[in-house]
Each structure stands twice: as structure tokens, then as C-alpha cells.
């Protein structure tokens, strides 16, 4: 069951990535640095670690800003809290250190098992001013990891919280979801957890992703002309019309 869940989560990341970009997108290309390891503790109880970082290609200022933003996302990760702050000047080195600490902790019996330790950062959406990382993060033995979006300014690498981008409330999300979503989305809205939604730039306007029951998601797009009233000045500057 766990493997099926992981496959579905990875498929969702691929689907999100295929929707990114659009007219005016910057020439930002990412590779994925993947790392995984399995181990057993002294009682022969297994655990595994799964890591995937979106690594920007190139050496321009935008790529440097993105890497700094990823470091900040990693620093705030539940995985970092569990395994200790990672060390390294590159995303690859950070992943290597995660693996090292995981294997050492399992050998010593200091790391909880059975668990999956996961941190996956994928570039899901981007335009010429901002990109959005889809982050799958957490330590779990049943169910799934925490998922969320992080909007990053290309100009300076700032991670911009939802509250700085939009004035939308839960009531607004329900109203807009009923207006622009399909029937399955309308049913989903009834179970939405308060405040569990994110927004991201999309070539057709603004992508809204909502969450319920901890790790189930649905999304819909608000047309560009209709999202503007719900955006702050920061939101308009990054992906409004």
C-alpha cells in the first residue's frame, strides 16, 4: 500500500510539472537529484529515506537565487528537524549528508522505524517573475507526508508566503471553486481543511491547490482576469494581470 501511495504522489508531481511555464517563461531548466536508502535498526526493523531536489542548471543570478530558496525550504523541513541540520555547499552534498545521518542513526537505533523519511522538492509552475516548488515533506509510518507549495521570487530568491500574495479566505476558495471547478472539486470543497490552500502562477491565470484529510489534494484554475481582485500588490507583481 505504501508503494502505491508513493507512486501516486510521484505521478502527481510529474503532472504538476507538465503544467508549468507558458508564454514568457524564463529559460530555467532543472535536473532532479534523487537519493534513497533502506536500512534496518538493531532490532531488524526497516526504514527508508527518499530525497529528490530540483537542481537549477546554469550559473546565472536566478539559478543562485533558486538554490538559496531551496536551502531555506530544506532548513524548515520536518526531515531536518528529525535528522539534524544538513551540511554542504550544494544540494547534492546536502542530500549525501541526509543519507549519512539516516544510515548512522539506523545503525545506532537513534532513528525511528518503521518510517519513511521523505523530502521531495519539484518545480511545478513558473513564469518570468516567480516559480512554485511543490514540496513533499515529512516522516511517516502510516498515511502520507505533508505537502505544500512555496512561491519563490526569481529576482531575489525570497520565499513568499500565501498571506503576502492574496487576500483570499476559505469562503472565497469555496465560492471560486464552485464557480471554476468541476463536480468532483465541488464535492471535495466540503471536506477542505480551514486555511489549507495555496496559490501559484499558471499560464492560464492562477492555480489554486486545496488540501483535505492531511494529504489529499485537488486544484483548479482561476482565469487571469478574475484573480486580480484577490491579489495583493505583491501577488499582482509576481503573477497577476
Protein backbone atom coordinates (compact mmCIF):
# COMPACT_ATOMS: atom_id res chain seq x y z
CA UNK A 1 0.00 0.00 0.00
CA UNK A 2 2.84 2.35 0.85
CA UNK A 3 4.43 1.79 -2.57
CA UNK A 4 1.15 2.53 -4.32
CA UNK A 5 0.82 5.74 -2.32
CA UNK A 6 4.38 6.77 -3.22
CA UNK A 7 3.71 6.09 -6.90
CA UNK A 8 0.58 8.25 -6.82
CA UNK A 9 2.44 11.06 -5.09
CA UNK A 10 5.24 10.98 -7.65
CA UNK A 11 2.74 10.86 -10.51
CA UNK A 12 1.10 13.98 -9.12
CA UNK A 13 4.45 15.79 -9.06
CA UNK A 14 5.07 14.83 -12.71
CA UNK A 15 1.60 16.02 -13.67
CA UNK A 16 2.11 19.34 -11.90
CA UNK A 17 5.48 19.83 -13.59
CA UNK A 18 3.93 19.26 -17.01
CA UNK A 19 1.55 22.17 -16.36
CA UNK A 20 4.25 24.72 -15.57
CA UNK A 21 5.54 27.52 -17.74
CA UNK A 22 3.67 29.26 -20.50
CA UNK A 23 4.28 32.37 -22.57
CA UNK A 24 7.13 34.46 -21.27
CA UNK A 25 8.63 31.71 -19.13
CA UNK A 26 12.32 32.17 -18.33
CA UNK A 27 14.91 29.74 -19.62
CA UNK A 28 15.03 27.84 -16.35
CA UNK A 29 15.93 24.19 -16.67
CA UNK A 30 16.00 21.76 -13.76
CA UNK A 31 17.51 18.37 -13.22
CA UNK A 32 16.46 16.14 -10.35
CA UNK A 33 18.97 14.90 -7.81
CA UNK A 34 17.46 11.74 -6.35
CA UNK A 35 18.73 9.75 -3.42
CA UNK A 36 17.26 6.87 -1.49
CA UNK A 37 18.41 4.39 1.11
CA UNK A 38 17.00 1.47 3.07
CA UNK A 39 18.26 0.27 6.43
CA UNK A 40 17.26 -1.72 9.49
CA UNK A 41 17.79 -0.78 13.11
CA UNK A 42 19.41 -3.10 15.70
CA UNK A 43 16.03 -4.82 16.12
CA UNK A 44 15.90 -5.52 12.35
CA UNK A 45 13.02 -3.07 11.85
CA UNK A 46 13.28 -1.40 8.41
CA UNK A 47 13.04 2.24 7.42
CA UNK A 48 13.87 4.22 4.30
CA UNK A 49 14.79 7.71 3.21
CA UNK A 50 13.64 9.27 -0.08
CA UNK A 51 15.12 12.55 -1.32
CA UNK A 52 14.60 14.48 -4.55
CA UNK A 53 15.81 18.03 -5.10
CA UNK A 54 15.11 20.18 -8.18
CA UNK A 55 18.55 21.45 -9.19
CA UNK A 56 18.59 24.50 -11.48
CA UNK A 57 21.03 24.30 -14.38
CA UNK A 58 23.27 27.24 -15.14
CA UNK A 59 25.20 29.75 -13.11
CA UNK A 60 23.18 32.94 -13.52
CA UNK A 61 21.70 35.02 -10.71
CA UNK A 62 18.26 33.42 -11.00
CA UNK A 63 19.73 29.93 -10.52
CA UNK A 64 21.70 31.10 -7.47
CA UNK A 65 18.56 32.67 -6.00
CA UNK A 66 16.61 29.45 -6.52
CA UNK A 67 19.28 27.36 -4.79
CA UNK A 68 19.25 29.72 -1.81
CA UNK A 69 15.46 29.42 -1.66
CA UNK A 70 15.73 25.62 -1.71
CA UNK A 71 18.23 25.73 1.13
CA UNK A 72 15.72 27.74 3.17
CA UNK A 73 12.96 25.23 2.36
CA UNK A 74 15.26 22.39 3.42
CA UNK A 75 16.19 24.18 6.64
CA UNK A 76 12.50 24.40 7.59
CA UNK A 77 11.81 20.76 6.69
CA UNK A 78 10.47 18.24 9.17
CA UNK A 79 13.22 15.97 7.93
CA UNK A 80 15.87 18.44 9.02
CA UNK A 81 14.26 18.68 12.43
CA UNK A 82 14.36 14.89 12.76
CA UNK A 83 17.82 14.15 11.35
CA UNK A 84 19.69 17.35 12.16
CA UNK A 85 20.58 20.36 10.01
CA UNK A 86 22.20 19.15 6.77
CA UNK A 87 25.66 20.35 5.80
CA UNK A 88 27.09 21.08 2.37
CA UNK A 89 27.53 23.85 -0.16
CA UNK A 90 25.47 22.11 -2.86
CA UNK A 91 22.07 20.43 -2.90
CA UNK A 92 23.82 17.17 -3.76
CA UNK A 93 26.06 17.48 -0.70
CA UNK A 94 23.05 18.17 1.50
CA UNK A 95 21.34 15.03 0.19
CA UNK A 96 24.51 13.00 0.81
CA UNK A 97 24.62 14.23 4.38
CA UNK A 98 20.96 13.33 4.93
CA UNK A 99 21.72 9.78 3.80
CA UNK A 100 24.80 9.58 6.01
CA UNK A 101 22.90 10.71 9.10
CA UNK A 102 19.98 8.42 8.33
CA UNK A 103 22.17 5.30 7.94
CA UNK A 104 24.20 6.17 11.03
CA UNK A 105 21.07 6.76 13.09
CA UNK A 106 19.51 3.49 11.98
CA UNK A 107 22.67 1.57 12.83
CA UNK A 108 22.74 3.10 16.31
CA UNK A 109 19.00 2.75 16.83
CA UNK A 110 18.56 6.51 17.18
CA UNK A 111 16.23 6.89 14.19
CA UNK A 112 12.58 5.87 14.41
CA UNK A 113 11.44 2.83 12.42
CA UNK A 114 9.40 1.66 10.62
CA UNK A 115 9.15 5.02 8.89
CA UNK A 116 9.65 6.68 5.56
CA UNK A 117 11.71 9.87 5.68
CA UNK A 118 10.91 11.96 2.66
CA UNK A 119 11.80 15.36 1.24
CA UNK A 120 10.99 16.00 -2.39
CA UNK A 121 11.19 19.46 -3.96
CA UNK A 122 9.91 19.78 -7.52
CA UNK A 123 9.45 22.87 -9.69
CA UNK A 124 5.74 22.79 -10.53
CA UNK A 125 4.92 26.19 -12.06
CA UNK A 126 6.87 29.18 -13.27
CA UNK A 127 6.52 32.43 -15.17
CA UNK A 128 9.03 35.20 -15.85
CA UNK A 129 8.95 36.54 -12.27
CA UNK A 130 8.29 33.62 -9.96
CA UNK A 131 8.33 29.86 -9.66
CA UNK A 132 6.50 27.50 -7.39
CA UNK A 133 8.02 24.49 -5.68
CA UNK A 134 5.81 21.55 -4.78
CA UNK A 135 7.24 20.15 -1.55
CA UNK A 136 6.53 16.70 -0.14
CA UNK A 137 7.99 16.65 3.33
CA UNK A 138 7.78 14.57 6.42
CA UNK A 139 8.42 11.49 8.50
CA UNK A 140 5.58 9.00 8.42
CA UNK A 141 4.73 5.41 9.14
CA UNK A 142 1.11 5.45 8.02
CA UNK A 143 -0.59 7.71 5.53
CA UNK A 144 1.47 10.29 3.67
CA UNK A 145 3.82 13.20 4.15
CA UNK A 146 2.90 16.84 4.47
CA UNK A 147 2.63 18.58 1.10
CA UNK A 148 2.65 22.27 0.36
CA UNK A 149 3.64 24.84 -2.25
CA UNK A 150 6.30 27.53 -1.95
CA UNK A 151 6.33 30.55 -4.26
CA UNK A 152 9.83 31.94 -4.90
CA UNK A 153 10.70 35.33 -6.38
CA UNK A 154 13.28 34.90 -9.15
CA UNK A 155 14.60 38.42 -8.57
CA UNK A 156 15.95 37.77 -5.08
CA UNK A 157 15.06 34.22 -4.05
CA UNK A 158 12.55 35.26 -1.41
CA UNK A 159 10.07 32.60 -0.35
CA UNK A 160 6.75 34.42 -0.34
CA UNK A 161 4.02 33.19 1.95
CA UNK A 162 0.43 32.98 0.74
CA UNK A 163 -0.70 35.81 3.00
CA UNK A 164 1.65 38.19 1.15
CA UNK A 165 0.18 37.20 -2.22
CA UNK A 166 -3.57 37.02 -1.76
CA UNK A 167 -6.42 38.17 0.43
CA UNK A 168 -8.46 35.05 -0.36
CA UNK A 169 -10.27 33.42 2.54
CA UNK A 170 -11.64 29.91 2.90
CA UNK A 171 -15.06 31.29 1.95
CA UNK A 172 -13.59 32.81 -1.22
CA UNK A 173 -11.98 29.47 -2.12
CA UNK A 174 -15.30 27.66 -1.75
CA UNK A 175 -17.09 30.27 -3.87
CA UNK A 176 -14.43 30.29 -6.60
CA UNK A 177 -14.10 26.51 -6.55
CA UNK A 178 -17.80 26.13 -7.17
CA UNK A 179 -17.55 28.66 -9.99
CA UNK A 180 -14.47 27.30 -11.79
CA UNK A 181 -14.11 23.70 -10.61
CA UNK A 182 -15.77 20.54 -11.89
CA UNK A 183 -18.25 18.46 -9.89
CA UNK A 184 -15.56 16.36 -8.22
CA UNK A 185 -13.89 19.56 -7.00
CA UNK A 186 -17.19 20.84 -5.63
CA UNK A 187 -17.61 17.65 -3.60
CA UNK A 188 -14.02 17.94 -2.40
CA UNK A 189 -14.55 21.51 -1.15
CA UNK A 190 -16.92 20.29 1.54
CA UNK A 191 -14.00 18.50 3.25
CA UNK A 192 -11.39 21.22 2.86
CA UNK A 193 -9.43 21.91 6.00
CA UNK A 194 -9.58 25.57 7.03
CA UNK A 195 -6.71 27.62 5.61
CA UNK A 196 -5.18 24.63 3.80
CA UNK A 197 -4.81 26.10 0.34
CA UNK A 198 -2.04 27.56 -1.79
CA UNK A 199 -1.88 29.64 -4.95
CA UNK A 200 0.64 29.52 -7.79
CA UNK A 201 1.19 31.25 -11.14
CA UNK A 202 -0.26 29.43 -14.11
CA UNK A 203 -0.17 30.24 -17.82
CA UNK A 204 -3.98 30.49 -17.81
CA UNK A 205 -4.21 32.59 -14.66
CA UNK A 206 -3.78 31.43 -11.08
CA UNK A 207 -3.65 27.82 -9.97
CA UNK A 208 -5.31 27.13 -6.61
CA UNK A 209 -4.45 23.93 -4.76
CA UNK A 210 -6.54 22.85 -1.79
CA UNK A 211 -5.96 20.12 0.78
CA UNK A 212 -8.14 17.88 2.91
CA UNK A 213 -7.61 14.92 5.24
CA UNK A 214 -3.92 15.79 5.58
CA UNK A 215 -2.59 14.54 2.24
CA UNK A 216 -5.32 14.55 -0.39
CA UNK A 217 -5.37 17.37 -2.92
CA UNK A 218 -7.42 18.95 -5.68
CA UNK A 219 -6.79 22.04 -7.75
CA UNK A 220 -8.49 24.43 -10.13
CA UNK A 221 -7.52 27.48 -12.18
CA UNK A 222 -8.99 30.96 -11.77
CA UNK A 223 -8.75 32.87 -15.09
CA UNK A 224 -6.19 35.67 -15.08
CA UNK A 225 -8.78 38.42 -15.46
CA UNK A 226 -10.72 37.18 -12.44
CA UNK A 227 -7.89 36.59 -9.96
CA UNK A 228 -6.70 40.22 -9.77
CA UNK A 229 -9.21 41.39 -7.12
CA UNK A 230 -7.92 38.67 -4.79
CA UNK A 231 -4.21 39.53 -5.16
CA UNK A 232 -2.14 41.87 -3.05
CA UNK A 233 0.30 44.25 -4.75
CA UNK A 234 2.99 41.60 -4.29
CA UNK A 235 0.77 38.99 -5.89
CA UNK A 236 -0.04 41.24 -8.83
CA UNK A 237 3.66 41.98 -9.36
CA UNK A 238 4.57 38.30 -9.45
CA UNK A 239 1.78 36.72 -11.44
CA UNK A 240 -1.24 38.98 -11.68
CA UNK A 241 -2.58 40.78 -14.72
